[in-house]
């Protein structure tokens, strides 16, 4: 589980949007060339915290896969549970 930062909804600069976007054009033709994004200081896009790292089971508790030999005895039954 990861906790991510969100913009401040009471920010007077961006109004809770997290930044400002603006369209820009080509210098030679004046045509639309794209949209750029300036993040607001109230929000850091890269700020993330891992809350619950996934636990790793100890080696002795990890499930062992049975061998490929059909005559070998395995710990797990092939019979259905009913």
Protein backbone atom coordinates (compact mmCIF):
# COMPACT_ATOMS: atom_id res chain seq x y z
CA UNK A 1 0.00 0.00 0.00
CA UNK A 2 1.37 3.39 -0.98
CA UNK A 3 0.35 6.75 0.42
CA UNK A 4 0.68 9.50 -2.20
CA UNK A 5 0.75 13.25 -1.63
CA UNK A 6 -2.21 15.30 -2.89
CA UNK A 7 -2.49 19.03 -3.58
CA UNK A 8 -3.72 21.33 -0.83
CA UNK A 9 -7.42 22.02 -1.57
CA UNK A 10 -7.16 25.42 0.18
CA UNK A 11 -4.15 26.63 -1.84
CA UNK A 12 -4.69 30.22 -2.98
CA UNK A 13 -2.27 29.81 -5.88
CA UNK A 14 -3.62 26.71 -7.67
CA UNK A 15 -7.05 26.27 -6.05
CA UNK A 16 -6.38 22.61 -5.24
CA UNK A 17 -5.48 21.60 -8.81
CA UNK A 18 -1.82 20.98 -7.95
CA UNK A 19 -0.40 23.26 -10.60
CA UNK A 20 -1.07 25.28 -13.69
CA UNK A 21 -1.29 24.08 -17.26
CA UNK A 22 -0.83 26.29 -20.24
CA UNK A 23 -0.97 25.77 -23.97
CA UNK A 24 1.87 26.89 -26.16
CA UNK A 25 2.36 27.24 -29.88
CA UNK A 26 5.09 26.81 -32.45
CA UNK A 27 7.33 29.90 -32.76
CA UNK A 28 7.38 29.84 -36.55
CA UNK A 29 3.79 28.96 -37.46
CA UNK A 30 1.91 29.94 -34.30
CA UNK A 31 0.02 26.64 -34.37
CA UNK A 32 -0.80 24.67 -31.22
CA UNK A 33 2.23 22.61 -30.20
CA UNK A 34 1.20 21.15 -26.85
CA UNK A 35 0.37 21.73 -23.23
CA UNK A 36 2.89 22.22 -20.46
CA UNK A 37 2.43 21.76 -16.70
CA UNK A 38 3.95 23.77 -13.88
CA UNK A 39 3.43 22.07 -10.48
CA UNK A 40 2.47 24.22 -7.52
CA UNK A 41 4.78 24.33 -4.46
CA UNK A 42 1.88 23.02 -2.30
CA UNK A 43 2.21 19.59 -3.95
CA UNK A 44 5.13 17.26 -4.64
CA UNK A 45 4.27 14.76 -7.39
CA UNK A 46 7.12 12.42 -6.44
CA UNK A 47 6.37 12.20 -2.71
CA UNK A 48 5.17 8.68 -1.88
CA UNK A 49 5.39 6.55 1.24
CA UNK A 50 5.13 2.78 1.41
CA UNK A 51 2.88 2.01 4.36
CA UNK A 52 2.64 -1.75 4.39
CA UNK A 53 5.55 -3.58 2.81
CA UNK A 54 4.66 -7.09 1.81
CA UNK A 55 5.98 -9.59 4.34
CA UNK A 56 8.29 -12.36 3.22
CA UNK A 57 7.70 -15.80 4.59
CA UNK A 58 10.62 -17.54 6.25
CA UNK A 59 12.27 -20.18 4.08
CA UNK A 60 10.93 -23.03 6.15
CA UNK A 61 7.32 -21.87 5.61
CA UNK A 62 7.53 -21.28 1.86
CA UNK A 63 5.59 -23.78 -0.20
CA UNK A 64 7.73 -26.40 -1.83
CA UNK A 65 6.86 -27.58 -5.29
CA UNK A 66 6.65 -31.33 -5.62
CA UNK A 67 9.20 -33.06 -7.85
CA UNK A 68 8.46 -33.97 -11.43
CA UNK A 69 8.97 -37.65 -10.77
CA UNK A 70 5.47 -39.26 -10.78
CA UNK A 71 6.61 -41.90 -8.25
CA UNK A 72 7.94 -39.45 -5.71
CA UNK A 73 5.94 -38.86 -2.56
CA UNK A 74 4.89 -35.28 -2.04
CA UNK A 75 3.49 -33.46 0.95
CA UNK A 76 0.37 -32.36 -0.95
CA UNK A 77 -2.52 -34.53 -2.02
CA UNK A 78 -3.84 -34.59 -5.58
CA UNK A 79 -7.32 -35.61 -4.43
CA UNK A 80 -10.18 -33.08 -4.52
CA UNK A 81 -11.34 -31.74 -1.15
CA UNK A 82 -14.85 -33.27 -1.38
